[in-house]
Amino acid sequence: MTAGFTILFFSIHSQTTIVVWDFEDQTTQPAEGDGVMELVGGVVEASTAYPQGTGGSGSYAYGTTGYPPQGTHSGTAGIQFTLSTLGFEDIHAGFAVRGSNTASKWAEFQYSIDQGTTWVTVQDNEGLFNNGWQGTYEILLPEETAQQEVLQFRIVTIFEPGTEEYQPIGSGNYGTSGTLRIDDVIFFSQEPTGNSDFTLNSIQIFPNPVTDLLFFSSNPIYELLVTVFDILGNTVIPEQQVFESLDVSNLKKGIYLIKFTSDNQTSVRKFVK
């Protein structure tokens, strides 16, 4: 099973929540399930600990600051979650992140199954953190994260790839006082459906954000008709038949909608280029 991330949740059969942090009660305790959230690598709670969340006015996220000085400790500082996945397969992690202009735009998603002795990188975020909510990242974790008495997952800032420096979200300088806020954290188990239960809602798209090829996965795999629109509703890739992937390398950076059609069913997903 390969790992990847999308930037929007969608309905899937047989989804079971393991643990949720939504911060609406202005606490770092889970809103549902059991788990522990902590700050690592010198990161501390921001002066505004519970800033506005993804739901706008009246909703809450969790704010962090105190990230490493420029040129130091890449891949070690951020937000960490600990939970048990005993009894669960196909583990997913979901969350939303936004930052201030002086915070790092690059981050990495890591997990450990040996209580932090070894950290494995799932993927970086392709430098897509910015100063607005972009949607919810969904990470499909490797198979070995299932059935673990202790699973740890963390989001840590990293140097811009190929450099020894943090790249800020804004046009100015990176700074340790930059803030990252997190919201809508969920870990859940998702199992594939059988052939008789196939619907377009069972299709997953990845990676998201995407650079060149947008892949599709379903159980079973079907040929599909797809059409891509920009956020204004203009067709940017006319309807065509695809099997497992679509080349979107010619699209400009932005947010797009992809419509799937098969056997009189229609479903729409959002992706970022």
C-alpha atoms as a PDB file:
ATOM      1  CA  MET A   1       0.000   0.000   0.000  1.00  0.00           C
ATOM      2  CA  THR A   2       1.479   3.340  -0.980  1.00  0.00           C
ATOM      3  CA  ALA A   3       1.210   6.484   1.075  1.00  0.00           C
ATOM      4  CA  GLY A   4      -0.108   9.746  -0.243  1.00  0.00           C
ATOM      5  CA  PHE A   5      -2.210  12.690   0.750  1.00  0.00           C
ATOM      6  CA  THR A   6      -5.292  14.475  -0.507  1.00  0.00           C
ATOM      7  CA  ILE A   7      -6.498  17.876   0.564  1.00  0.00           C
ATOM      8  CA  LEU A   8     -10.196  17.154   1.004  1.00  0.00           C
ATOM      9  CA  PHE A   9     -12.090  14.497   2.901  1.00  0.00           C
ATOM     10  CA  PHE A  10     -14.650  12.485   0.975  1.00  0.00           C
ATOM     11  CA  SER A  11     -17.141   9.763   1.862  1.00  0.00           C
ATOM     12  CA  ILE A  12     -15.752   6.217   2.016  1.00  0.00           C
ATOM     13  CA  HIS A  13     -17.460   3.024   3.137  1.00  0.00           C
ATOM     14  CA  SER A  14     -16.355   1.376   6.409  1.00  0.00           C
ATOM     15  CA  GLN A  15     -14.664   4.431   7.945  1.00  0.00           C
ATOM     16  CA  THR A  16     -14.119   4.171  11.698  1.00  0.00           C
ATOM     17  CA  THR A  17     -12.859   7.089  13.783  1.00  0.00           C
ATOM     18  CA  ILE A  18     -10.001   6.311  16.162  1.00  0.00           C
ATOM     19  CA  VAL A  19      -9.351   9.725  17.730  1.00  0.00           C
ATOM     20  CA  VAL A  20     -10.243  13.377  16.989  1.00  0.00           C
ATOM     21  CA  TRP A  21      -8.899  16.734  18.137  1.00  0.00           C
ATOM     22  CA  ASP A  22     -11.122  19.661  17.084  1.00  0.00           C
ATOM     23  CA  PHE A  23     -10.129  22.260  19.770  1.00  0.00           C
ATOM     24  CA  GLU A  24     -13.685  23.608  20.011  1.00  0.00           C
ATOM     25  CA  ASP A  25     -13.559  23.238  23.812  1.00  0.00           C
ATOM     26  CA  GLN A  26     -10.194  25.072  23.808  1.00  0.00           C
ATOM     27  CA  THR A  27      -8.265  22.066  25.086  1.00  0.00           C
ATOM     28  CA  THR A  28      -5.614  19.737  23.713  1.00  0.00           C
ATOM     29  CA  GLN A  29      -7.573  16.735  24.996  1.00  0.00           C
ATOM     30  CA  PRO A  30      -9.251  14.658  22.268  1.00  0.00           C
ATOM     31  CA  ALA A  31     -12.856  15.491  21.425  1.00  0.00           C
ATOM     32  CA  GLU A  32     -13.394  11.799  20.621  1.00  0.00           C
ATOM     33  CA  GLY A  33     -11.342   8.695  21.334  1.00  0.00           C
ATOM     34  CA  ASP A  34      -8.079   8.370  23.259  1.00  0.00           C
ATOM     35  CA  GLY A  35      -4.724   9.926  22.451  1.00  0.00           C
ATOM     36  CA  VAL A  36      -2.076  12.440  23.477  1.00  0.00           C
ATOM     37  CA  MET A  37      -1.037  15.610  21.651  1.00  0.00           C
ATOM     38  CA  GLU A  38       2.241  17.324  22.517  1.00  0.00           C
ATOM     39  CA  LEU A  39       4.722  19.858  21.162  1.00  0.00           C
ATOM     40  CA  VAL A  40       8.246  18.671  20.339  1.00  0.00           C
ATOM     41  CA  GLY A  41      11.639  20.127  19.449  1.00  0.00           C
ATOM     42  CA  GLY A  42      11.279  23.271  21.543  1.00  0.00           C
ATOM     43  CA  VAL A  43       7.953  24.356  20.041  1.00  0.00           C
ATOM     44  CA  VAL A  44       5.604  26.056  22.510  1.00  0.00           C
ATOM     45  CA  GLU A  45       2.008  27.146  22.670  1.00  0.00           C
ATOM     46  CA  ALA A  46       1.390  30.497  20.951  1.00  0.00           C
ATOM     47  CA  SER A  47       0.340  33.533  22.988  1.00  0.00           C
ATOM     48  CA  THR A  48      -3.084  33.092  21.393  1.00  0.00           C
ATOM     49  CA  ALA A  49      -3.389  29.411  22.148  1.00  0.00           C
ATOM     50  CA  TYR A  50      -6.743  28.904  20.443  1.00  0.00           C
ATOM     51  CA  PRO A  51      -7.004  31.198  17.410  1.00  0.00           C
ATOM     52  CA  GLN A  52      -9.814  31.088  14.847  1.00  0.00           C
ATOM     53  CA  GLY A  53     -10.270  27.683  13.256  1.00  0.00           C
ATOM     54  CA  THR A  54     -11.362  26.378   9.894  1.00  0.00           C
ATOM     55  CA  GLY A  55     -15.009  27.110  10.677  1.00  0.00           C
ATOM     56  CA  GLY A  56     -14.462  30.870  10.775  1.00  0.00           C
ATOM     57  CA  SER A  57     -15.672  33.166  13.534  1.00  0.00           C
ATOM     58  CA  GLY A  58     -16.584  31.259  16.678  1.00  0.00           C
ATOM     59  CA  SER A  59     -14.484  28.194  15.834  1.00  0.00           C
ATOM     60  CA  TYR A  60     -11.085  27.339  17.282  1.00  0.00           C
ATOM     61  CA  ALA A  61      -7.735  25.883  16.204  1.00  0.00           C
ATOM     62  CA  TYR A  62      -4.521  25.379  18.195  1.00  0.00           C
ATOM     63  CA  GLY A  63      -1.617  27.821  17.828  1.00  0.00           C
ATOM     64  CA  THR A  64       2.092  27.013  18.089  1.00  0.00           C
ATOM     65  CA  THR A  65       5.346  28.996  17.895  1.00  0.00           C
ATOM     66  CA  GLY A  66       9.006  28.805  18.961  1.00  0.00           C
ATOM     67  CA  TYR A  67      10.237  26.880  15.930  1.00  0.00           C
ATOM     68  CA  PRO A  68      14.028  26.396  15.456  1.00  0.00           C
ATOM     69  CA  PRO A  69      16.366  29.235  14.476  1.00  0.00           C
ATOM     70  CA  GLN A  70      17.207  29.551  10.803  1.00  0.00           C
ATOM     71  CA  GLY A  71      19.471  26.769   9.564  1.00  0.00           C
ATOM     72  CA  THR A  72      19.023  24.444  12.561  1.00  0.00           C
ATOM     73  CA  HIS A  73      17.158  21.260  13.545  1.00  0.00           C
ATOM     74  CA  SER A  74      15.276  20.528  10.336  1.00  0.00           C
ATOM     75  CA  GLY A  75      12.714  17.748  10.724  1.00  0.00           C
ATOM     76  CA  THR A  76      12.594  17.712  14.530  1.00  0.00           C
ATOM     77  CA  ALA A  77      10.228  20.451  15.726  1.00  0.00           C
ATOM     78  CA  GLY A  78       6.473  20.539  15.545  1.00  0.00           C
ATOM     79  CA  ILE A  79       3.275  18.845  16.747  1.00  0.00           C
ATOM     80  CA  GLN A  80       3.108  15.179  17.745  1.00  0.00           C
ATOM     81  CA  PHE A  81       0.194  12.794  18.311  1.00  0.00           C
ATOM     82  CA  THR A  82       0.241   9.440  20.109  1.00  0.00           C
ATOM     83  CA  LEU A  83      -2.528   6.842  19.800  1.00  0.00           C
ATOM     84  CA  SER A  84      -3.212   3.120  19.643  1.00  0.00           C
ATOM     85  CA  THR A  85      -4.250   1.444  16.383  1.00  0.00           C
ATOM     86  CA  LEU A  86      -4.854  -2.010  17.882  1.00  0.00           C
ATOM     87  CA  GLY A  87      -7.861  -3.501  16.126  1.00  0.00           C
ATOM     88  CA  PHE A  88      -7.613  -1.134  13.166  1.00  0.00           C
ATOM     89  CA  GLU A  89      -6.346  -1.464   9.577  1.00  0.00           C
ATOM     90  CA  ASP A  90      -5.704   1.107   6.804  1.00  0.00           C
ATOM     91  CA  ILE A  91      -4.789   4.021   9.063  1.00  0.00           C
ATOM     92  CA  HIS A  92      -5.344   7.590   7.855  1.00  0.00           C
ATOM     93  CA  ALA A  93      -4.366  10.898   9.454  1.00  0.00           C
ATOM     94  CA  GLY A  94      -6.182  14.119   8.612  1.00  0.00           C
ATOM     95  CA  PHE A  95      -5.588  17.718   9.652  1.00  0.00           C
ATOM     96  CA  ALA A  96      -5.678  21.348   8.513  1.00  0.00           C
ATOM     97  CA  VAL A  97      -2.723  23.741   8.919  1.00  0.00           C
ATOM     98  CA  ARG A  98      -2.135  27.440   8.280  1.00  0.00           C
ATOM     99  CA  GLY A  99       0.745  29.697   9.280  1.00  0.00           C
ATOM    100  CA  SER A 100       1.942  33.252   9.664  1.00  0.00           C
ATOM    101  CA  ASN A 101       4.161  34.845   7.024  1.00  0.00           C
ATOM    102  CA  THR A 102       7.391  34.212   8.978  1.00  0.00           C
ATOM    103  CA  ALA A 103       6.669  30.522   9.635  1.00  0.00           C
ATOM    104  CA  SER A 104       8.149  27.707   7.533  1.00  0.00           C
ATOM    105  CA  LYS A 105       6.175  26.828   4.403  1.00  0.00           C
ATOM    106  CA  TRP A 106       7.840  23.397   4.274  1.00  0.00           C
ATOM    107  CA  ALA A 107       6.957  20.522   6.605  1.00  0.00           C
ATOM    108  CA  GLU A 108       7.294  16.773   6.770  1.00  0.00           C
ATOM    109  CA  PHE A 109       4.890  14.093   7.990  1.00  0.00           C
ATOM    110  CA  GLN A 110       6.557  11.357  10.053  1.00  0.00           C
ATOM    111  CA  TYR A 111       5.525   8.329  12.116  1.00  0.00           C
ATOM    112  CA  SER A 112       7.124   6.010  14.655  1.00  0.00           C
ATOM    113  CA  ILE A 113       6.110   2.535  15.831  1.00  0.00           C
ATOM    114  CA  ASP A 114       8.951   2.164  18.359  1.00  0.00           C
ATOM    115  CA  GLN A 115       7.990   5.026  20.699  1.00  0.00           C
ATOM    116  CA  GLY A 116      10.106   7.613  18.927  1.00  0.00           C
ATOM    117  CA  THR A 117      13.383   5.711  18.602  1.00  0.00           C
ATOM    118  CA  THR A 118      13.029   5.707  14.814  1.00  0.00           C
ATOM    119  CA  TRP A 119      11.034   8.191  12.748  1.00  0.00           C
ATOM    120  CA  VAL A 120       9.927   7.330   9.215  1.00  0.00           C
ATOM    121  CA  THR A 121       9.046  10.081   6.749  1.00  0.00           C
ATOM    122  CA  VAL A 122       5.801   9.506   4.871  1.00  0.00           C
ATOM    123  CA  GLN A 123       5.991  12.588   2.673  1.00  0.00           C
ATOM    124  CA  ASP A 124       6.659  16.324   2.752  1.00  0.00           C
ATOM    125  CA  ASN A 125       3.959  18.905   2.105  1.00  0.00           C
ATOM    126  CA  GLU A 126       5.513  20.199  -1.154  1.00  0.00           C
ATOM    127  CA  GLY A 127       5.942  23.616   0.485  1.00  0.00           C
ATOM    128  CA  LEU A 128       2.228  24.336   0.446  1.00  0.00           C
ATOM    129  CA  PHE A 129       1.615  25.720   3.929  1.00  0.00           C
ATOM    130  CA  ASN A 130       0.340  29.286   3.613  1.00  0.00           C
ATOM    131  CA  ASN A 131      -1.426  31.966   5.643  1.00  0.00           C
ATOM    132  CA  GLY A 132      -4.930  30.715   4.882  1.00  0.00           C
ATOM    133  CA  TRP A 133      -6.833  27.472   5.385  1.00  0.00           C
ATOM    134  CA  GLN A 134      -6.540  25.395   2.204  1.00  0.00           C
ATOM    135  CA  GLY A 135      -8.574  22.368   3.184  1.00  0.00           C
ATOM    136  CA  THR A 136      -7.830  19.200   5.113  1.00  0.00           C
ATOM    137  CA  TYR A 137      -4.772  17.075   4.399  1.00  0.00           C
ATOM    138  CA  GLU A 138      -5.470  13.345   4.437  1.00  0.00           C
ATOM    139  CA  ILE A 139      -2.473  11.041   4.808  1.00  0.00           C
ATOM    140  CA  LEU A 140      -2.730   7.330   4.075  1.00  0.00           C
ATOM    141  CA  LEU A 141      -0.146   5.774   6.386  1.00  0.00           C
ATOM    142  CA  PRO A 142       1.894   2.649   5.528  1.00  0.00           C
ATOM    143  CA  GLU A 143       0.534  -0.781   6.439  1.00  0.00           C
ATOM    144  CA  GLU A 144       2.911  -1.215   9.385  1.00  0.00           C
ATOM    145  CA  THR A 145       1.090   1.577  11.284  1.00  0.00           C
ATOM    146  CA  ALA A 146      -1.953  -0.704  11.719  1.00  0.00           C
ATOM    147  CA  GLN A 147      -2.404  -2.889  14.802  1.00  0.00           C
ATOM    148  CA  GLN A 148       0.113  -0.906  16.858  1.00  0.00           C
ATOM    149  CA  GLU A 149      -0.206  -0.527  20.611  1.00  0.00           C
ATOM    150  CA  VAL A 150       1.588   2.818  20.292  1.00  0.00           C
ATOM    151  CA  LEU A 151       1.635   4.820  17.061  1.00  0.00           C
ATOM    152  CA  GLN A 152       3.178   8.283  16.984  1.00  0.00           C
ATOM    153  CA  PHE A 153       2.642  10.759  14.169  1.00  0.00           C
ATOM    154  CA  ARG A 154       4.138  14.213  13.885  1.00  0.00           C
ATOM    155  CA  ILE A 155       4.151  17.273  11.657  1.00  0.00           C
ATOM    156  CA  VAL A 156       7.594  18.934  11.735  1.00  0.00           C
ATOM    157  CA  THR A 157       9.057  21.869   9.853  1.00  0.00           C
ATOM    158  CA  ILE A 158      11.936  21.224   7.431  1.00  0.00           C
ATOM    159  CA  PHE A 159      14.443  23.133   5.323  1.00  0.00           C
ATOM    160  CA  GLU A 160      13.402  23.852   1.773  1.00  0.00           C
ATOM    161  CA  PRO A 161      14.623  20.744  -0.135  1.00  0.00           C
ATOM    162  CA  GLY A 162      18.102  21.207  -1.583  1.00  0.00           C
ATOM    163  CA  THR A 163      18.961  23.979   0.884  1.00  0.00           C
ATOM    164  CA  GLU A 164      19.991  24.372   4.506  1.00  0.00           C
ATOM    165  CA  GLU A 165      17.401  27.027   5.283  1.00  0.00           C
ATOM    166  CA  TYR A 166      13.742  27.345   6.201  1.00  0.00           C
ATOM    167  CA  GLN A 167      11.674  29.105   3.554  1.00  0.00           C
ATOM    168  CA  PRO A 168       9.053  31.490   4.989  1.00  0.00           C
ATOM    169  CA  ILE A 169       5.418  31.461   3.950  1.00  0.00           C
ATOM    170  CA  GLY A 170       5.521  35.184   3.129  1.00  0.00           C
ATOM    171  CA  SER A 171       7.942  37.282   1.118  1.00  0.00           C
ATOM    172  CA  GLY A 172       9.989  38.417   4.132  1.00  0.00           C
ATOM    173  CA  ASN A 173      12.341  36.549   6.434  1.00  0.00           C
ATOM    174  CA  TYR A 174      11.785  33.333   8.350  1.00  0.00           C
ATOM    175  CA  GLY A 175      11.578  33.813  12.117  1.00  0.00           C
ATOM    176  CA  THR A 176      11.270  31.693  15.256  1.00  0.00           C
ATOM    177  CA  SER A 177       8.257  33.754  16.338  1.00  0.00           C
ATOM    178  CA  GLY A 178       6.300  32.568  13.311  1.00  0.00           C
ATOM    179  CA  THR A 179       3.162  30.645  14.184  1.00  0.00           C
ATOM    180  CA  LEU A 180       1.544  27.516  12.817  1.00  0.00           C
ATOM    181  CA  ARG A 181      -1.998  26.643  13.796  1.00  0.00           C
ATOM    182  CA  ILE A 182      -3.633  23.232  13.419  1.00  0.00           C
ATOM    183  CA  ASP A 183      -7.269  22.143  13.327  1.00  0.00           C
ATOM    184  CA  ASP A 184      -9.567  19.232  12.446  1.00  0.00           C
ATOM    185  CA  VAL A 185      -7.126  16.498  13.469  1.00  0.00           C
ATOM    186  CA  ILE A 186      -8.484  12.999  12.934  1.00  0.00           C
ATOM    187  CA  PHE A 187      -7.065   9.489  12.787  1.00  0.00           C
ATOM    188  CA  PHE A 188      -9.339   6.895  11.281  1.00  0.00           C
ATOM    189  CA  SER A 189      -9.437   3.391   9.844  1.00  0.00           C
ATOM    190  CA  GLN A 190     -10.712   2.890   6.333  1.00  0.00           C
ATOM    191  CA  GLU A 191     -11.270  -0.498   4.727  1.00  0.00           C
ATOM    192  CA  PRO A 192     -11.990  -1.141   1.036  1.00  0.00           C
ATOM    193  CA  THR A 193     -15.424  -2.241  -0.129  1.00  0.00           C
ATOM    194  CA  GLY A 194     -16.235  -5.284  -2.247  1.00  0.00           C
ATOM    195  CA  ASN A 195     -17.182  -5.168  -5.939  1.00  0.00           C
ATOM    196  CA  SER A 196     -20.922  -5.183  -5.272  1.00  0.00           C
ATOM    197  CA  ASP A 197     -20.618  -2.027  -3.157  1.00  0.00           C
ATOM    198  CA  PHE A 198     -18.595  -0.017  -5.672  1.00  0.00           C
ATOM    199  CA  THR A 199     -19.586   3.620  -6.004  1.00  0.00           C
ATOM    200  CA  LEU A 200     -17.646   6.627  -7.244  1.00  0.00           C
ATOM    201  CA  ASN A 201     -17.424   7.754  -3.601  1.00  0.00           C
ATOM    202  CA  SER A 202     -14.907   4.939  -3.067  1.00  0.00           C
ATOM    203  CA  ILE A 203     -12.359   6.521  -5.416  1.00  0.00           C
ATOM    204  CA  GLN A 204      -9.273   8.055  -3.830  1.00  0.00           C
ATOM    205  CA  ILE A 205      -7.123  10.667  -5.602  1.00  0.00           C
ATOM    206  CA  PHE A 206      -3.447  11.255  -4.844  1.00  0.00           C
ATOM    207  CA  PRO A 207      -1.083  12.981  -4.509  1.00  0.00           C
ATOM    208  CA  ASN A 208      -2.967  16.131  -3.674  1.00  0.00           C
ATOM    209  CA  PRO A 209      -1.468  18.714  -4.127  1.00  0.00           C
ATOM    210  CA  VAL A 210      -0.240  17.290  -7.436  1.00  0.00           C
ATOM    211  CA  THR A 211       2.567  18.229  -9.827  1.00  0.00           C
ATOM    212  CA  ASP A 212       2.271  16.001 -12.901  1.00  0.00           C
ATOM    213  CA  LEU A 213       0.180  12.825 -12.641  1.00  0.00           C
ATOM    214  CA  LEU A 214      -2.999  12.626 -10.572  1.00  0.00           C
ATOM    215  CA  PHE A 215      -3.648   8.990  -9.637  1.00  0.00           C
ATOM    216  CA  PHE A 216      -6.928   7.278  -8.832  1.00  0.00           C
ATOM    217  CA  SER A 217      -7.500   4.172  -6.744  1.00  0.00           C
ATOM    218  CA  SER A 218     -10.667   2.181  -6.203  1.00  0.00           C
ATOM    219  CA  ASN A 219     -11.622  -1.346  -5.320  1.00  0.00           C
ATOM    220  CA  PRO A 220     -12.167  -2.727  -7.905  1.00  0.00           C
ATOM    221  CA  ILE A 221     -10.413  -0.569 -10.530  1.00  0.00           C
ATOM    222  CA  TYR A 222     -12.735   0.754 -13.250  1.00  0.00           C
ATOM    223  CA  GLU A 223     -12.316   2.770 -16.401  1.00  0.00           C
ATOM    224  CA  LEU A 224     -13.704   6.230 -15.772  1.00  0.00           C
ATOM    225  CA  LEU A 225     -14.758   9.332 -17.653  1.00  0.00           C
ATOM    226  CA  VAL A 226     -13.213  12.451 -16.099  1.00  0.00           C
ATOM    227  CA  THR A 227     -13.563  16.184 -16.725  1.00  0.00           C
ATOM    228  CA  VAL A 228     -11.558  18.905 -14.954  1.00  0.00           C
ATOM    229  CA  PHE A 229     -12.868  22.409 -14.190  1.00  0.00           C
ATOM    230  CA  ASP A 230     -11.313  25.475 -12.605  1.00  0.00           C
ATOM    231  CA  ILE A 231     -13.011  27.031  -9.576  1.00  0.00           C
ATOM    232  CA  LEU A 232     -15.026  29.325 -11.893  1.00  0.00           C
ATOM    233  CA  GLY A 233     -16.554  26.304 -13.616  1.00  0.00           C
ATOM    234  CA  ASN A 234     -14.556  26.577 -16.841  1.00  0.00           C
ATOM    235  CA  THR A 235     -13.548  23.277 -18.442  1.00  0.00           C
ATOM    236  CA  VAL A 236      -9.741  23.017 -18.456  1.00  0.00           C
ATOM    237  CA  ILE A 237      -9.460  19.306 -19.356  1.00  0.00           C
ATOM    238  CA  PRO A 238     -12.333  18.050 -21.530  1.00  0.00           C
ATOM    239  CA  GLU A 239     -14.020  14.732 -20.760  1.00  0.00           C
ATOM    240  CA  GLN A 240     -11.772  11.762 -21.448  1.00  0.00           C
ATOM    241  CA  GLN A 241     -11.524   8.115 -20.487  1.00  0.00           C
ATOM    242  CA  VAL A 242      -8.882   7.211 -17.920  1.00  0.00           C
ATOM    243  CA  PHE A 243      -7.852   4.107 -16.043  1.00  0.00           C
ATOM    244  CA  GLU A 244      -5.483   4.868 -13.153  1.00  0.00           C
ATOM    245  CA  SER A 245      -4.108   8.378 -13.707  1.00  0.00           C
ATOM    246  CA  LEU A 246      -4.534  11.738 -15.429  1.00  0.00           C
ATOM    247  CA  ASP A 247      -1.766  14.047 -16.670  1.00  0.00           C
ATOM    248  CA  VAL A 248      -2.353  17.539 -15.205  1.00  0.00           C
ATOM    249  CA  SER A 249       1.175  18.869 -15.776  1.00  0.00           C
ATOM    250  CA  ASN A 250      -0.075  21.566 -18.182  1.00  0.00           C
ATOM    251  CA  LEU A 251      -2.432  23.128 -15.654  1.00  0.00           C
ATOM    252  CA  LYS A 252      -1.441  26.333 -13.889  1.00  0.00           C
ATOM    253  CA  LYS A 253      -1.100  26.365 -10.102  1.00  0.00           C
ATOM    254  CA  GLY A 254      -4.501  26.641  -8.463  1.00  0.00           C
ATOM    255  CA  ILE A 255      -7.553  24.799  -7.165  1.00  0.00           C
ATOM    256  CA  TYR A 256      -9.507  22.522  -9.512  1.00  0.00           C
ATOM    257  CA  LEU A 257     -12.533  20.243  -9.522  1.00  0.00           C
ATOM    258  CA  ILE A 258     -12.444  16.820 -11.176  1.00  0.00           C
ATOM    259  CA  LYS A 259     -15.729  15.145 -12.141  1.00  0.00           C
ATOM    260  CA  PHE A 260     -15.884  11.342 -12.375  1.00  0.00           C
ATOM    261  CA  THR A 261     -18.607   9.636 -14.404  1.00  0.00           C
ATOM    262  CA  SER A 262     -19.277   5.882 -14.583  1.00  0.00           C
ATOM    263  CA  ASP A 263     -22.419   3.734 -14.931  1.00  0.00           C
ATOM    264  CA  ASN A 264     -24.798   6.685 -14.484  1.00  0.00           C
ATOM    265  CA  GLN A 265     -22.930   7.838 -11.365  1.00  0.00           C
ATOM    266  CA  THR A 266     -21.261  11.229 -10.994  1.00  0.00           C
ATOM    267  CA  SER A 267     -18.910  12.422  -8.244  1.00  0.00           C
ATOM    268  CA  VAL A 268     -16.728  15.535  -7.855  1.00  0.00           C
ATOM    269  CA  ARG A 269     -13.438  15.968  -5.981  1.00  0.00           C
ATOM    270  CA  LYS A 270     -11.269  19.018  -5.336  1.00  0.00           C
ATOM    271  CA  PHE A 271      -7.488  19.007  -5.943  1.00  0.00           C
ATOM    272  CA  VAL A 272      -4.647  21.512  -5.823  1.00  0.00           C
ATOM    273  CA  LYS A 273      -1.963  21.968  -8.499  1.00  0.00           C
END
